[in-house]
C-alpha atoms as a PDB file:
ATOM      1  CA  MET A   1      -0.345 -24.129  72.564  1.00  0.00           C
ATOM      2  CA  ALA A   2      -2.691 -21.499  74.014  1.00  0.00           C
ATOM      3  CA  ALA A   3      -3.720 -18.600  71.795  1.00  0.00           C
ATOM      4  CA  ILE A   4      -2.566 -15.122  72.787  1.00  0.00           C
ATOM      5  CA  ARG A   5      -5.482 -12.902  73.662  1.00  0.00           C
ATOM      6  CA  PRO A   6      -5.861  -9.565  71.780  1.00  0.00           C
ATOM      7  CA  ASP A   7      -5.798  -7.551  75.009  1.00  0.00           C
ATOM      8  CA  ALA A   8      -2.449  -9.126  75.891  1.00  0.00           C
ATOM      9  CA  LEU A   9      -1.096  -8.120  72.492  1.00  0.00           C
ATOM     10  CA  SER A  10      -2.298  -4.549  72.895  1.00  0.00           C
ATOM     11  CA  ALA A  11      -0.803  -4.409  76.381  1.00  0.00           C
ATOM     12  CA  ALA A  12       2.531  -5.642  75.019  1.00  0.00           C
ATOM     13  CA  ALA A  13       2.406  -3.052  72.239  1.00  0.00           C
ATOM     14  CA  ALA A  14       1.647  -0.289  74.752  1.00  0.00           C
ATOM     15  CA  TYR A  15       4.539  -1.405  76.949  1.00  0.00           C
ATOM     16  CA  ARG A  16       6.869  -1.444  73.946  1.00  0.00           C
ATOM     17  CA  ALA A  17       5.729   2.052  72.920  1.00  0.00           C
ATOM     18  CA  ALA A  18       6.256   3.357  76.462  1.00  0.00           C
ATOM     19  CA  ALA A  19       9.800   1.990  76.504  1.00  0.00           C
ATOM     20  CA  GLU A  20      10.766   3.771  73.275  1.00  0.00           C
ATOM     21  CA  PRO A  21      12.577   7.096  73.612  1.00  0.00           C
ATOM     22  CA  ARG A  22      10.330  10.098  73.168  1.00  0.00           C
ATOM     23  CA  PRO A  23      10.947  13.719  72.239  1.00  0.00           C
ATOM     24  CA  ALA A  24      11.220  16.329  74.966  1.00  0.00           C
ATOM     25  CA  GLY A  25       8.044  16.693  77.033  1.00  0.00           C
ATOM     26  CA  GLY A  26       7.342  20.196  75.747  1.00  0.00           C
ATOM     27  CA  ALA A  27       7.230  19.112  72.119  1.00  0.00           C
ATOM     28  CA  GLU A  28       4.824  16.267  72.841  1.00  0.00           C
ATOM     29  CA  PHE A  29       2.626  18.488  75.024  1.00  0.00           C
ATOM     30  CA  GLY A  30       2.517  21.110  72.285  1.00  0.00           C
ATOM     31  CA  ALA A  31       1.518  18.515  69.713  1.00  0.00           C
ATOM     32  CA  VAL A  32      -1.285  17.243  71.940  1.00  0.00           C
ATOM     33  CA  LEU A  33      -2.595  20.776  72.454  1.00  0.00           C
ATOM     34  CA  SER A  34      -2.374  21.474  68.740  1.00  0.00           C
ATOM     35  CA  ARG A  35      -4.377  18.353  67.876  1.00  0.00           C
ATOM     36  CA  ALA A  36      -6.967  19.195  70.533  1.00  0.00           C
ATOM     37  CA  MET A  37      -7.420  22.698  69.159  1.00  0.00           C
ATOM     38  CA  GLU A  38      -7.769  21.330  65.628  1.00  0.00           C
ATOM     39  CA  GLN A  39     -10.527  19.034  66.876  1.00  0.00           C
ATOM     40  CA  VAL A  40     -12.314  21.958  68.546  1.00  0.00           C
ATOM     41  CA  VAL A  41     -12.185  23.945  65.313  1.00  0.00           C
ATOM     42  CA  GLU A  42     -13.439  20.937  63.337  1.00  0.00           C
ATOM     43  CA  LEU A  43     -16.371  20.484  65.734  1.00  0.00           C
ATOM     44  CA  GLY A  44     -17.244  24.152  65.249  1.00  0.00           C
ATOM     45  CA  ARG A  45     -17.162  23.725  61.486  1.00  0.00           C
ATOM     46  CA  SER A  46     -19.385  20.650  61.663  1.00  0.00           C
ATOM     47  CA  ALA A  47     -21.865  22.604  63.807  1.00  0.00           C
ATOM     48  CA  ASP A  48     -21.892  25.361  61.178  1.00  0.00           C
ATOM     49  CA  ALA A  49     -22.413  22.806  58.430  1.00  0.00           C
ATOM     50  CA  ALA A  50     -25.288  21.171  60.325  1.00  0.00           C
ATOM     51  CA  ALA A  51     -26.946  24.551  60.885  1.00  0.00           C
ATOM     52  CA  THR A  52     -26.569  25.448  57.209  1.00  0.00           C
ATOM     53  CA  ALA A  53     -28.007  22.089  56.169  1.00  0.00           C
ATOM     54  CA  ALA A  54     -30.994  22.577  58.476  1.00  0.00           C
ATOM     55  CA  LEU A  55     -31.619  26.061  57.105  1.00  0.00           C
ATOM     56  CA  THR A  56     -31.652  24.730  53.546  1.00  0.00           C
ATOM     57  CA  GLY A  57     -34.018  21.916  54.521  1.00  0.00           C
ATOM     58  CA  GLN A  58     -31.434  19.134  54.140  1.00  0.00           C
ATOM     59  CA  GLY A  59     -30.847  18.470  57.834  1.00  0.00           C
ATOM     60  CA  SER A  60     -32.818  18.094  61.020  1.00  0.00           C
ATOM     61  CA  VAL A  61     -32.974  20.325  64.042  1.00  0.00           C
ATOM     62  CA  THR A  62     -31.848  17.405  66.189  1.00  0.00           C
ATOM     63  CA  ASP A  63     -28.592  17.158  64.223  1.00  0.00           C
ATOM     64  CA  VAL A  64     -28.020  20.878  64.695  1.00  0.00           C
ATOM     65  CA  VAL A  65     -28.630  20.714  68.437  1.00  0.00           C
ATOM     66  CA  LEU A  66     -26.265  17.759  68.825  1.00  0.00           C
ATOM     67  CA  ALA A  67     -23.532  19.367  66.706  1.00  0.00           C
ATOM     68  CA  VAL A  68     -23.797  22.691  68.537  1.00  0.00           C
ATOM     69  CA  SER A  69     -23.765  20.918  71.919  1.00  0.00           C
ATOM     70  CA  ARG A  70     -20.609  19.016  70.964  1.00  0.00           C
ATOM     71  CA  ALA A  71     -18.935  22.198  69.757  1.00  0.00           C
ATOM     72  CA  GLU A  72     -19.959  24.075  72.908  1.00  0.00           C
ATOM     73  CA  LEU A  73     -18.637  21.331  75.186  1.00  0.00           C
ATOM     74  CA  ALA A  74     -15.355  21.197  73.256  1.00  0.00           C
ATOM     75  CA  LEU A  75     -14.973  24.973  73.494  1.00  0.00           C
ATOM     76  CA  GLN A  76     -15.710  24.974  77.225  1.00  0.00           C
ATOM     77  CA  THR A  77     -13.118  22.239  77.710  1.00  0.00           C
ATOM     78  CA  ALA A  78     -10.540  24.168  75.682  1.00  0.00           C
ATOM     79  CA  VAL A  79     -11.175  27.314  77.730  1.00  0.00           C
ATOM     80  CA  ALA A  80     -10.858  25.360  80.987  1.00  0.00           C
ATOM     81  CA  VAL A  81      -7.549  23.844  79.860  1.00  0.00           C
ATOM     82  CA  ARG A  82      -6.302  27.265  78.772  1.00  0.00           C
ATOM     83  CA  ASP A  83      -7.217  28.733  82.154  1.00  0.00           C
ATOM     84  CA  ARG A  84      -5.366  25.933  83.945  1.00  0.00           C
ATOM     85  CA  VAL A  85      -2.262  26.393  81.772  1.00  0.00           C
ATOM     86  CA  VAL A  86      -2.254  30.158  82.338  1.00  0.00           C
ATOM     87  CA  GLY A  87      -2.740  29.635  86.067  1.00  0.00           C
ATOM     88  CA  ALA A  88       0.139  27.158  86.193  1.00  0.00           C
ATOM     89  CA  TYR A  89       2.369  29.563  84.270  1.00  0.00           C
ATOM     90  CA  GLN A  90       1.510  32.413  86.640  1.00  0.00           C
ATOM     91  CA  GLU A  91       2.233  30.183  89.623  1.00  0.00           C
ATOM     92  CA  ILE A  92       5.624  29.245  88.193  1.00  0.00           C
ATOM     93  CA  MET A  93       6.448  32.900  87.556  1.00  0.00           C
ATOM     94  CA  ARG A  94       5.698  33.723  91.220  1.00  0.00           C
ATOM     95  CA  MET A  95       8.199  31.145  92.442  1.00  0.00           C
ATOM     96  CA  PRO A  96      11.431  32.553  93.823  1.00  0.00           C
ATOM     97  CA  ILE A  97      14.534  31.560  91.929  1.00  0.00           C
END
């Protein structure tokens, strides 16, 4: 009997998960946004920690630059998503009923 490949198992698991009933779209979307914002805040905290470590002589400047770059990219992404959501909301509000 042929062995089942791991990618086939993961594909079957993904198909099974997609077939399961989910909560309303708004609740899932809100949870995704909440997790994303938590990750942005955590990246900011890690950048602060790296900067503090470098100032006390326990970290390198390279670590600080990388941590700050990650935090900056995450913040720019969050702002871009926010702008898109606000724009979509404004577009919906302009629609005639």
